[in-house]
């Protein structure tokens, strides 16, 4: 059974995916990448964070954003 945090994260990912479906291609592609990242992070947070640490560019920004999202979701649960 998924925790409340996982359920909310997957819901946010699906919302971003739906938003990407109704926008133009230039906006849709980054939104789909964000949705996939959030979906993977909701299911396997440690693996996604390890992957983000290994990225040559932007890994620190991804980790900061995931940390902020995690603290926000922790307040809700």
PDB file of N, CA and C in Angstrom:
ATOM      1  N   UNK A   1       0.847  -1.175   0.000  1.00  0.00           N
ATOM      2  CA  UNK A   1       0.000   0.000   0.000  1.00  0.00           C
ATOM      3  C   UNK A   1       0.893   1.239   0.000  1.00  0.00           C
ATOM      4  N   UNK A   2       0.526   2.202  -0.796  1.00  0.00           N
ATOM      5  CA  UNK A   2       1.313   3.426  -0.916  1.00  0.00           C
ATOM      6  C   UNK A   2       1.049   4.338   0.278  1.00  0.00           C
ATOM      7  N   UNK A   3       2.102   5.035   0.680  1.00  0.00           N
ATOM      8  CA  UNK A   3       1.941   6.017   1.746  1.00  0.00           C
ATOM      9  C   UNK A   3       1.241   7.251   1.182  1.00  0.00           C
ATOM     10  N   UNK A   4       0.838   8.133   2.064  1.00  0.00           N
ATOM     11  CA  UNK A   4       0.153   9.350   1.635  1.00  0.00           C
ATOM     12  C   UNK A   4       1.075  10.212   0.780  1.00  0.00           C
ATOM     13  N   UNK A   5       2.362  10.262   1.151  1.00  0.00           N
ATOM     14  CA  UNK A   5       3.340  11.051   0.390  1.00  0.00           C
ATOM     15  C   UNK A   5       3.487  10.505  -1.023  1.00  0.00           C
ATOM     16  N   UNK A   6       3.564   9.170  -1.164  1.00  0.00           N
ATOM     17  CA  UNK A   6       3.692   8.568  -2.487  1.00  0.00           C
ATOM     18  C   UNK A   6       2.451   8.833  -3.327  1.00  0.00           C
ATOM     19  N   UNK A   7       1.289   8.739  -2.712  1.00  0.00           N
ATOM     20  CA  UNK A   7       0.047   8.966  -3.427  1.00  0.00           C
ATOM     21  C   UNK A   7      -0.049  10.403  -3.923  1.00  0.00           C
ATOM     22  N   UNK A   8       0.319  11.359  -3.077  1.00  0.00           N
ATOM     23  CA  UNK A   8       0.276  12.763  -3.479  1.00  0.00           C
ATOM     24  C   UNK A   8       1.286  13.030  -4.587  1.00  0.00           C
ATOM     25  N   UNK A   9       2.492  12.466  -4.474  1.00  0.00           N
ATOM     26  CA  UNK A   9       3.521  12.676  -5.491  1.00  0.00           C
ATOM     27  C   UNK A   9       3.085  12.119  -6.836  1.00  0.00           C
ATOM     28  N   UNK A  10       2.497  10.934  -6.832  1.00  0.00           N
ATOM     29  CA  UNK A  10       2.031  10.335  -8.083  1.00  0.00           C
ATOM     30  C   UNK A  10       0.861  11.143  -8.645  1.00  0.00           C
ATOM     31  N   UNK A  11       0.015  11.664  -7.773  1.00  0.00           N
ATOM     32  CA  UNK A  11      -1.083  12.525  -8.230  1.00  0.00           C
ATOM     33  C   UNK A  11      -0.570  13.796  -8.878  1.00  0.00           C
ATOM     34  N   UNK A  12       0.456  14.398  -8.296  1.00  0.00           N
ATOM     35  CA  UNK A  12       1.062  15.596  -8.893  1.00  0.00           C
ATOM     36  C   UNK A  12       1.659  15.255 -10.251  1.00  0.00           C
ATOM     37  N   UNK A  13       2.320  14.103 -10.339  1.00  0.00           N
ATOM     38  CA  UNK A  13       2.921  13.679 -11.612  1.00  0.00           C
ATOM     39  C   UNK A  13       1.849  13.489 -12.676  1.00  0.00           C
ATOM     40  N   UNK A  14       0.743  12.893 -12.314  1.00  0.00           N
ATOM     41  CA  UNK A  14      -0.337  12.712 -13.283  1.00  0.00           C
ATOM     42  C   UNK A  14      -0.938  14.054 -13.694  1.00  0.00           C
ATOM     43  N   UNK A  15      -1.053  14.976 -12.748  1.00  0.00           N
ATOM     44  CA  UNK A  15      -1.550  16.309 -13.076  1.00  0.00           C
ATOM     45  C   UNK A  15      -0.639  17.029 -14.059  1.00  0.00           C
ATOM     46  N   UNK A  16       0.665  16.914 -13.852  1.00  0.00           N
ATOM     47  CA  UNK A  16       1.625  17.530 -14.771  1.00  0.00           C
ATOM     48  C   UNK A  16       1.535  16.866 -16.146  1.00  0.00           C
ATOM     49  N   UNK A  17       1.339  15.544 -16.166  1.00  0.00           N
ATOM     50  CA  UNK A  17       1.214  14.833 -17.445  1.00  0.00           C
ATOM     51  C   UNK A  17      -0.036  15.278 -18.202  1.00  0.00           C
ATOM     52  N   UNK A  18      -1.136  15.461 -17.495  1.00  0.00           N
ATOM     53  CA  UNK A  18      -2.362  15.941 -18.140  1.00  0.00           C
ATOM     54  C   UNK A  18      -2.160  17.356 -18.670  1.00  0.00           C
ATOM     55  N   UNK A  19      -1.506  18.201 -17.883  1.00  0.00           N
ATOM     56  CA  UNK A  19      -1.214  19.562 -18.333  1.00  0.00           C
ATOM     57  C   UNK A  19      -0.344  19.536 -19.588  1.00  0.00           C
ATOM     58  N   UNK A  20       0.612  18.617 -19.631  1.00  0.00           N
ATOM     59  CA  UNK A  20       1.477  18.505 -20.805  1.00  0.00           C
ATOM     60  C   UNK A  20       0.693  18.058 -22.031  1.00  0.00           C
ATOM     61  N   UNK A  21      -0.360  17.311 -21.819  1.00  0.00           N
ATOM     62  CA  UNK A  21      -1.153  16.816 -22.950  1.00  0.00           C
ATOM     63  C   UNK A  21      -1.935  17.923 -23.651  1.00  0.00           C
ATOM     64  N   UNK A  22      -2.214  19.007 -22.947  1.00  0.00           N
ATOM     65  CA  UNK A  22      -3.034  20.057 -23.551  1.00  0.00           C
ATOM     66  C   UNK A  22      -2.227  21.293 -23.945  1.00  0.00           C
ATOM     67  N   UNK A  23      -0.910  21.199 -23.907  1.00  0.00           N
ATOM     68  CA  UNK A  23      -0.066  22.338 -24.279  1.00  0.00           C
ATOM     69  C   UNK A  23       0.658  22.053 -25.583  1.00  0.00           C
ATOM     70  N   UNK A  24       1.396  23.051 -26.063  1.00  0.00           N
ATOM     71  CA  UNK A  24       2.171  22.872 -27.291  1.00  0.00           C
ATOM     72  C   UNK A  24       3.392  21.995 -27.021  1.00  0.00           C
ATOM     73  N   UNK A  25       4.023  21.549 -28.075  1.00  0.00           N
ATOM     74  CA  UNK A  25       5.135  20.599 -27.952  1.00  0.00           C
ATOM     75  C   UNK A  25       6.318  21.188 -27.197  1.00  0.00           C
ATOM     76  N   UNK A  26       6.594  22.484 -27.365  1.00  0.00           N
ATOM     77  CA  UNK A  26       7.743  23.091 -26.697  1.00  0.00           C
ATOM     78  C   UNK A  26       7.583  23.093 -25.191  1.00  0.00           C
ATOM     79  N   UNK A  27       6.355  23.186 -24.724  1.00  0.00           N
ATOM     80  CA  UNK A  27       6.095  23.165 -23.289  1.00  0.00           C
ATOM     81  C   UNK A  27       5.834  21.746 -22.809  1.00  0.00           C
ATOM     82  N   UNK A  28       5.254  20.918 -23.670  1.00  0.00           N
ATOM     83  CA  UNK A  28       4.863  19.569 -23.276  1.00  0.00           C
ATOM     84  C   UNK A  28       6.053  18.674 -22.959  1.00  0.00           C
ATOM     85  N   UNK A  29       7.117  18.770 -23.722  1.00  0.00           N
ATOM     86  CA  UNK A  29       8.266  17.876 -23.517  1.00  0.00           C
ATOM     87  C   UNK A  29       8.895  18.067 -22.133  1.00  0.00           C
ATOM     88  N   UNK A  30       9.211  19.295 -21.706  1.00  0.00           N
ATOM     89  CA  UNK A  30       9.739  19.436 -20.344  1.00  0.00           C
ATOM     90  C   UNK A  30       8.743  19.014 -19.267  1.00  0.00           C
ATOM     91  N   UNK A  31       7.457  19.248 -19.496  1.00  0.00           N
ATOM     92  CA  UNK A  31       6.462  18.827 -18.509  1.00  0.00           C
ATOM     93  C   UNK A  31       6.380  17.309 -18.399  1.00  0.00           C
ATOM     94  N   UNK A  32       6.505  16.614 -19.524  1.00  0.00           N
ATOM     95  CA  UNK A  32       6.528  15.146 -19.480  1.00  0.00           C
ATOM     96  C   UNK A  32       7.759  14.644 -18.731  1.00  0.00           C
ATOM     97  N   UNK A  33       8.894  15.287 -18.920  1.00  0.00           N
ATOM     98  CA  UNK A  33      10.111  14.892 -18.193  1.00  0.00           C
ATOM     99  C   UNK A  33       9.911  15.086 -16.689  1.00  0.00           C
ATOM    100  N   UNK A  34       9.299  16.203 -16.302  1.00  0.00           N
ATOM    101  CA  UNK A  34       9.025  16.457 -14.885  1.00  0.00           C
ATOM    102  C   UNK A  34       8.051  15.426 -14.340  1.00  0.00           C
ATOM    103  N   UNK A  35       7.019  15.100 -15.122  1.00  0.00           N
ATOM    104  CA  UNK A  35       6.038  14.109 -14.673  1.00  0.00           C
ATOM    105  C   UNK A  35       6.681  12.741 -14.472  1.00  0.00           C
ATOM    106  N   UNK A  36       7.552  12.343 -15.385  1.00  0.00           N
ATOM    107  CA  UNK A  36       8.234  11.047 -15.262  1.00  0.00           C
ATOM    108  C   UNK A  36       9.163  11.050 -14.058  1.00  0.00           C
ATOM    109  N   UNK A  37       9.862  12.159 -13.846  1.00  0.00           N
ATOM    110  CA  UNK A  37      10.745  12.271 -12.681  1.00  0.00           C
ATOM    111  C   UNK A  37       9.950  12.162 -11.382  1.00  0.00           C
ATOM    112  N   UNK A  38       8.825  12.851 -11.300  1.00  0.00           N
ATOM    113  CA  UNK A  38       8.002  12.796 -10.093  1.00  0.00           C
ATOM    114  C   UNK A  38       7.401  11.417  -9.876  1.00  0.00           C
ATOM    115  N   UNK A  39       6.990  10.775 -10.953  1.00  0.00           N
ATOM    116  CA  UNK A  39       6.443   9.421 -10.839  1.00  0.00           C
ATOM    117  C   UNK A  39       7.502   8.452 -10.327  1.00  0.00           C
ATOM    118  N   UNK A  40       8.691   8.529 -10.894  1.00  0.00           N
ATOM    119  CA  UNK A  40       9.777   7.658 -10.435  1.00  0.00           C
ATOM    120  C   UNK A  40      10.165   7.977  -8.997  1.00  0.00           C
ATOM    121  N   UNK A  41      10.196   9.260  -8.643  1.00  0.00           N
ATOM    122  CA  UNK A  41      10.568   9.652  -7.282  1.00  0.00           C
ATOM    123  C   UNK A  41       9.518   9.198  -6.280  1.00  0.00           C
ATOM    124  N   UNK A  42       8.248   9.212  -6.672  1.00  0.00           N
ATOM    125  CA  UNK A  42       7.195   8.742  -5.783  1.00  0.00           C
ATOM    126  C   UNK A  42       7.299   7.257  -5.504  1.00  0.00           C
ATOM    127  N   UNK A  43       7.791   6.494  -6.476  1.00  0.00           N
ATOM    128  CA  UNK A  43       7.891   5.052  -6.303  1.00  0.00           C
ATOM    129  C   UNK A  43       9.235   4.608  -5.720  1.00  0.00           C
ATOM    130  N   UNK A  44      10.334   5.211  -6.168  1.00  0.00           N
ATOM    131  CA  UNK A  44      11.673   4.832  -5.721  1.00  0.00           C
ATOM    132  C   UNK A  44      12.495   6.086  -5.421  1.00  0.00           C
ATOM    133  N   UNK A  45      12.260   6.746  -4.289  1.00  0.00           N
ATOM    134  CA  UNK A  45      12.942   8.025  -4.040  1.00  0.00           C
ATOM    135  C   UNK A  45      14.462   7.919  -3.936  1.00  0.00           C
ATOM    136  N   UNK A  46      14.971   6.890  -3.302  1.00  0.00           N
ATOM    137  CA  UNK A  46      16.428   6.773  -3.128  1.00  0.00           C
ATOM    138  C   UNK A  46      17.147   6.591  -4.460  1.00  0.00           C
ATOM    139  N   UNK A  47      16.579   5.783  -5.349  1.00  0.00           N
ATOM    140  CA  UNK A  47      17.210   5.569  -6.653  1.00  0.00           C
ATOM    141  C   UNK A  47      17.220   6.847  -7.494  1.00  0.00           C
ATOM    142  N   UNK A  48      16.133   7.593  -7.449  1.00  0.00           N
ATOM    143  CA  UNK A  48      16.075   8.843  -8.222  1.00  0.00           C
ATOM    144  C   UNK A  48      17.076   9.852  -7.674  1.00  0.00           C
ATOM    145  N   UNK A  49      17.204   9.931  -6.354  1.00  0.00           N
ATOM    146  CA  UNK A  49      18.164  10.862  -5.763  1.00  0.00           C
ATOM    147  C   UNK A  49      19.603  10.448  -6.088  1.00  0.00           C
ATOM    148  N   UNK A  50      19.894   9.158  -6.096  1.00  0.00           N
ATOM    149  CA  UNK A  50      21.233   8.707  -6.486  1.00  0.00           C
ATOM    150  C   UNK A  50      21.514   9.047  -7.944  1.00  0.00           C
ATOM    151  N   UNK A  51      20.522   8.865  -8.795  1.00  0.00           N
ATOM    152  CA  UNK A  51      20.680   9.196 -10.211  1.00  0.00           C
ATOM    153  C   UNK A  51      20.911  10.696 -10.390  1.00  0.00           C
ATOM    154  N   UNK A  52      20.158  11.512  -9.660  1.00  0.00           N
ATOM    155  CA  UNK A  52      20.300  12.968  -9.785  1.00  0.00           C
ATOM    156  C   UNK A  52      21.675  13.420  -9.327  1.00  0.00           C
ATOM    157  N   UNK A  53      22.245  12.767  -8.319  1.00  0.00           N
ATOM    158  CA  UNK A  53      23.598  13.136  -7.858  1.00  0.00           C
ATOM    159  C   UNK A  53      24.648  12.893  -8.938  1.00  0.00           C
ATOM    160  N   UNK A  54      24.419  11.907  -9.790  1.00  0.00           N
ATOM    161  CA  UNK A  54      25.398  11.560 -10.828  1.00  0.00           C
ATOM    162  C   UNK A  54      25.284  12.417 -12.081  1.00  0.00           C
ATOM    163  N   UNK A  55      24.218  13.208 -12.198  1.00  0.00           N
ATOM    164  CA  UNK A  55      24.057  14.039 -13.394  1.00  0.00           C
ATOM    165  C   UNK A  55      25.124  15.134 -13.431  1.00  0.00           C
ATOM    166  N   UNK A  56      25.727  15.372 -14.593  1.00  0.00           N
ATOM    167  CA  UNK A  56      26.773  16.388 -14.663  1.00  0.00           C
ATOM    168  C   UNK A  56      26.222  17.811 -14.539  1.00  0.00           C
ATOM    169  N   UNK A  57      25.023  18.053 -15.049  1.00  0.00           N
ATOM    170  CA  UNK A  57      24.442  19.396 -15.009  1.00  0.00           C
ATOM    171  C   UNK A  57      23.048  19.315 -14.397  1.00  0.00           C
ATOM    172  N   UNK A  58      22.759  20.167 -13.467  1.00  0.00           N
ATOM    173  CA  UNK A  58      21.418  20.269 -12.924  1.00  0.00           C
ATOM    174  C   UNK A  58      21.069  19.314 -11.807  1.00  0.00           C
ATOM    175  N   UNK A  59      21.964  18.411 -11.443  1.00  0.00           N
ATOM    176  CA  UNK A  59      21.673  17.447 -10.394  1.00  0.00           C
ATOM    177  C   UNK A  59      21.415  18.094  -9.049  1.00  0.00           C
ATOM    178  N   UNK A  60      22.189  19.123  -8.738  1.00  0.00           N
ATOM    179  CA  UNK A  60      22.001  19.801  -7.450  1.00  0.00           C
ATOM    180  C   UNK A  60      20.665  20.539  -7.413  1.00  0.00           C
ATOM    181  N   UNK A  61      20.241  21.097  -8.555  1.00  0.00           N
ATOM    182  CA  UNK A  61      18.954  21.785  -8.603  1.00  0.00           C
ATOM    183  C   UNK A  61      17.795  20.801  -8.436  1.00  0.00           C
ATOM    184  N   UNK A  62      17.926  19.631  -9.053  1.00  0.00           N
ATOM    185  CA  UNK A  62      16.894  18.600  -8.921  1.00  0.00           C
ATOM    186  C   UNK A  62      16.793  18.147  -7.475  1.00  0.00           C
ATOM    187  N   UNK A  63      17.930  17.938  -6.833  1.00  0.00           N
ATOM    188  CA  UNK A  63      17.910  17.496  -5.433  1.00  0.00           C
ATOM    189  C   UNK A  63      17.313  18.563  -4.518  1.00  0.00           C
ATOM    190  N   UNK A  64      17.622  19.829  -4.780  1.00  0.00           N
ATOM    191  CA  UNK A  64      17.032  20.915  -3.983  1.00  0.00           C
ATOM    192  C   UNK A  64      15.521  20.961  -4.176  1.00  0.00           C
ATOM    193  N   UNK A  65      15.072  20.826  -5.406  1.00  0.00           N
ATOM    194  CA  UNK A  65      13.631  20.867  -5.689  1.00  0.00           C
ATOM    195  C   UNK A  65      12.913  19.681  -5.051  1.00  0.00           C
ATOM    196  N   UNK A  66      13.525  18.498  -5.129  1.00  0.00           N
ATOM    197  CA  UNK A  66      12.914  17.328  -4.497  1.00  0.00           C
ATOM    198  C   UNK A  66      12.889  17.471  -2.981  1.00  0.00           C
ATOM    199  N   UNK A  67      13.915  18.083  -2.419  1.00  0.00           N
ATOM    200  CA  UNK A  67      13.945  18.322  -0.981  1.00  0.00           C
ATOM    201  C   UNK A  67      12.837  19.272  -0.538  1.00  0.00           C
ATOM    202  N   UNK A  68      12.624  20.323  -1.326  1.00  0.00           N
ATOM    203  CA  UNK A  68      11.552  21.266  -0.998  1.00  0.00           C
ATOM    204  C   UNK A  68      10.182  20.614  -1.140  1.00  0.00           C
ATOM    205  N   UNK A  69      10.012  19.805  -2.190  1.00  0.00           N
ATOM    206  CA  UNK A  69       8.754  19.094  -2.369  1.00  0.00           C
ATOM    207  C   UNK A  69       8.530  18.097  -1.236  1.00  0.00           C
ATOM    208  N   UNK A  70       9.601  17.445  -0.823  1.00  0.00           N
ATOM    209  CA  UNK A  70       9.501  16.481   0.275  1.00  0.00           C
ATOM    210  C   UNK A  70       9.085  17.168   1.574  1.00  0.00           C
ATOM    211  N   UNK A  71       9.665  18.329   1.859  1.00  0.00           N
ATOM    212  CA  UNK A  71       9.290  19.029   3.092  1.00  0.00           C
ATOM    213  C   UNK A  71       7.850  19.536   3.032  1.00  0.00           C
ATOM    214  N   UNK A  72       7.402  19.949   1.858  1.00  0.00           N
ATOM    215  CA  UNK A  72       6.017  20.382   1.706  1.00  0.00           C
ATOM    216  C   UNK A  72       5.053  19.216   1.889  1.00  0.00           C
ATOM    217  N   UNK A  73       5.389  18.089   1.285  1.00  0.00           N
ATOM    218  CA  UNK A  73       4.513  16.912   1.409  1.00  0.00           C
ATOM    219  C   UNK A  73       4.528  16.356   2.829  1.00  0.00           C
ATOM    220  N   UNK A  74       5.642  16.493   3.521  1.00  0.00           N
ATOM    221  CA  UNK A  74       5.718  16.010   4.906  1.00  0.00           C
ATOM    222  C   UNK A  74       4.800  16.813   5.817  1.00  0.00           C
ATOM    223  N   UNK A  75       4.628  18.075   5.526  1.00  0.00           N
ATOM    224  CA  UNK A  75       3.718  18.897   6.328  1.00  0.00           C
ATOM    225  C   UNK A  75       2.270  18.487   6.127  1.00  0.00           C
ATOM    226  N   UNK A  76       1.926  17.999   4.930  1.00  0.00           N
ATOM    227  CA  UNK A  76       0.557  17.589   4.644  1.00  0.00           C
ATOM    228  C   UNK A  76       0.193  16.256   5.256  1.00  0.00           C
ATOM    229  N   UNK A  77       1.187  15.393   5.448  1.00  0.00           N
ATOM    230  CA  UNK A  77       0.871  14.042   5.938  1.00  0.00           C
ATOM    231  C   UNK A  77       0.963  13.932   7.436  1.00  0.00           C
TER     232      UNK A  77
END
